[in-house]
C-alpha atoms as a PDB file:
ATOM      1  CA  UNK A   1      -0.121   0.200   0.037  1.00  0.00           C
ATOM      2  CA  UNK A   2       1.744   3.730  -0.804  1.00  0.00           C
ATOM      3  CA  UNK A   3       2.051   6.102   1.291  1.00  0.00           C
ATOM      4  CA  UNK A   4      -1.053   8.501  -0.363  1.00  0.00           C
ATOM      5  CA  UNK A   5      -3.210   5.220  -0.181  1.00  0.00           C
ATOM      6  CA  UNK A   6      -2.646   5.116   3.589  1.00  0.00           C
ATOM      7  CA  UNK A   7      -2.868   8.976   4.420  1.00  0.00           C
ATOM      8  CA  UNK A   8      -6.547   8.945   2.627  1.00  0.00           C
ATOM      9  CA  UNK A   9      -7.569   5.718   5.133  1.00  0.00           C
ATOM     10  CA  UNK A  10      -5.982   7.323   8.012  1.00  0.00           C
ATOM     11  CA  UNK A  11      -7.972  10.418   7.419  1.00  0.00           C
ATOM     12  CA  UNK A  12     -11.562   9.211   6.210  1.00  0.00           C
ATOM     13  CA  UNK A  13     -11.021   7.014   9.362  1.00  0.00           C
ATOM     14  CA  UNK A  14     -10.526   9.976  11.773  1.00  0.00           C
ATOM     15  CA  UNK A  15     -13.150  12.231   9.964  1.00  0.00           C
ATOM     16  CA  UNK A  16     -15.579   9.417  11.192  1.00  0.00           C
ATOM     17  CA  UNK A  17     -14.191   8.955  14.132  1.00  0.00           C
ATOM     18  CA  UNK A  18     -16.893   9.658  17.028  1.00  0.00           C
ATOM     19  CA  UNK A  19     -16.261  10.200  20.715  1.00  0.00           C
ATOM     20  CA  UNK A  20     -16.519   8.540  23.532  1.00  0.00           C
ATOM     21  CA  UNK A  21     -18.055   8.830  27.780  1.00  0.00           C
ATOM     22  CA  UNK A  22     -16.235   6.745  30.584  1.00  0.00           C
ATOM     23  CA  UNK A  23     -17.911   6.309  33.540  1.00  0.00           C
ATOM     24  CA  UNK A  24     -16.031   4.983  36.605  1.00  0.00           C
ATOM     25  CA  UNK A  25     -17.399   3.164  39.667  1.00  0.00           C
ATOM     26  CA  UNK A  26     -15.980   2.373  43.034  1.00  0.00           C
ATOM     27  CA  UNK A  27     -12.257   2.846  43.848  1.00  0.00           C
ATOM     28  CA  UNK A  28      -9.790   4.243  41.209  1.00  0.00           C
ATOM     29  CA  UNK A  29      -6.985   2.689  42.882  1.00  0.00           C
ATOM     30  CA  UNK A  30      -4.676   0.078  40.973  1.00  0.00           C
ATOM     31  CA  UNK A  31      -4.745  -3.426  42.484  1.00  0.00           C
ATOM     32  CA  UNK A  32      -2.724  -6.791  41.626  1.00  0.00           C
ATOM     33  CA  UNK A  33      -5.311  -9.323  41.225  1.00  0.00           C
ATOM     34  CA  UNK A  34      -5.284 -12.160  38.883  1.00  0.00           C
ATOM     35  CA  UNK A  35      -8.380 -12.524  36.758  1.00  0.00           C
ATOM     36  CA  UNK A  36      -9.272 -15.406  34.843  1.00  0.00           C
ATOM     37  CA  UNK A  37     -10.404 -15.113  30.880  1.00  0.00           C
ATOM     38  CA  UNK A  38     -14.061 -14.173  30.170  1.00  0.00           C
ATOM     39  CA  UNK A  39     -16.455 -12.341  28.337  1.00  0.00           C
ATOM     40  CA  UNK A  40     -20.025 -11.794  28.628  1.00  0.00           C
ATOM     41  CA  UNK A  41     -22.024 -10.696  25.982  1.00  0.00           C
ATOM     42  CA  UNK A  42     -25.546  -9.488  26.973  1.00  0.00           C
ATOM     43  CA  UNK A  43     -27.919  -6.802  25.319  1.00  0.00           C
ATOM     44  CA  UNK A  44     -31.180  -6.568  24.106  1.00  0.00           C
ATOM     45  CA  UNK A  45     -33.265  -6.881  27.018  1.00  0.00           C
ATOM     46  CA  UNK A  46     -33.705  -8.237  30.384  1.00  0.00           C
ATOM     47  CA  UNK A  47     -30.080  -9.323  32.436  1.00  0.00           C
ATOM     48  CA  UNK A  48     -29.409 -12.692  33.763  1.00  0.00           C
ATOM     49  CA  UNK A  49     -27.757 -12.475  36.857  1.00  0.00           C
ATOM     50  CA  UNK A  50     -26.153 -15.495  37.362  1.00  0.00           C
ATOM     51  CA  UNK A  51     -23.938 -14.925  34.101  1.00  0.00           C
ATOM     52  CA  UNK A  52     -22.951 -11.222  34.912  1.00  0.00           C
ATOM     53  CA  UNK A  53     -21.610 -12.888  38.670  1.00  0.00           C
ATOM     54  CA  UNK A  54     -19.625 -15.613  36.631  1.00  0.00           C
ATOM     55  CA  UNK A  55     -18.459 -12.369  34.985  1.00  0.00           C
ATOM     56  CA  UNK A  56     -17.111 -10.782  37.351  1.00  0.00           C
ATOM     57  CA  UNK A  57     -16.298 -13.400  39.725  1.00  0.00           C
ATOM     58  CA  UNK A  58     -13.699 -13.778  35.980  1.00  0.00           C
ATOM     59  CA  UNK A  59     -12.578 -10.646  37.226  1.00  0.00           C
ATOM     60  CA  UNK A  60     -11.448 -11.607  40.752  1.00  0.00           C
ATOM     61  CA  UNK A  61     -11.993  -8.140  41.829  1.00  0.00           C
ATOM     62  CA  UNK A  62     -10.414  -6.462  39.301  1.00  0.00           C
ATOM     63  CA  UNK A  63     -11.602  -4.242  36.624  1.00  0.00           C
ATOM     64  CA  UNK A  64     -14.388  -4.701  34.273  1.00  0.00           C
ATOM     65  CA  UNK A  65     -15.562  -3.068  31.156  1.00  0.00           C
ATOM     66  CA  UNK A  66     -18.619  -2.405  29.780  1.00  0.00           C
ATOM     67  CA  UNK A  67     -19.218  -1.133  26.111  1.00  0.00           C
ATOM     68  CA  UNK A  68     -22.551   0.276  25.293  1.00  0.00           C
ATOM     69  CA  UNK A  69     -23.130   1.926  21.864  1.00  0.00           C
ATOM     70  CA  UNK A  70     -25.593   4.508  23.156  1.00  0.00           C
ATOM     71  CA  UNK A  71     -26.562   5.506  26.814  1.00  0.00           C
ATOM     72  CA  UNK A  72     -25.404   6.293  30.347  1.00  0.00           C
ATOM     73  CA  UNK A  73     -23.701   4.528  33.049  1.00  0.00           C
ATOM     74  CA  UNK A  74     -26.819   1.845  33.778  1.00  0.00           C
ATOM     75  CA  UNK A  75     -24.760  -1.159  34.349  1.00  0.00           C
ATOM     76  CA  UNK A  76     -22.770   0.562  36.902  1.00  0.00           C
ATOM     77  CA  UNK A  77     -24.849   0.219  39.981  1.00  0.00           C
ATOM     78  CA  UNK A  78     -26.090  -3.314  38.746  1.00  0.00           C
ATOM     79  CA  UNK A  79     -22.489  -4.701  38.646  1.00  0.00           C
ATOM     80  CA  UNK A  80     -21.008  -2.659  41.726  1.00  0.00           C
ATOM     81  CA  UNK A  81     -23.896  -2.882  44.237  1.00  0.00           C
ATOM     82  CA  UNK A  82     -26.805  -4.929  43.320  1.00  0.00           C
ATOM     83  CA  UNK A  83     -24.916  -8.099  42.186  1.00  0.00           C
ATOM     84  CA  UNK A  84     -22.834 -10.103  45.324  1.00  0.00           C
ATOM     85  CA  UNK A  85     -20.395 -12.894  43.924  1.00  0.00           C
ATOM     86  CA  UNK A  86     -18.016 -13.292  46.235  1.00  0.00           C
END
């Protein structure tokens, strides 16, 4: 790929990129934990509490990331306060 094509692709992508909003709940201190691998895909309607607890157990007390196409921090309290997994 030549440099002009690469530059065009880069400029094109930057023109359509969107901003994001970050919400943080809980402590911002870094912890040393040993998480296990886990992905939990949800969406569309109601949540499955046991699947979410499984996901939190995989994090082993570490950070989790929730990616949303739109909305707010609606999952933060759900994960942080409503689910009991330890």
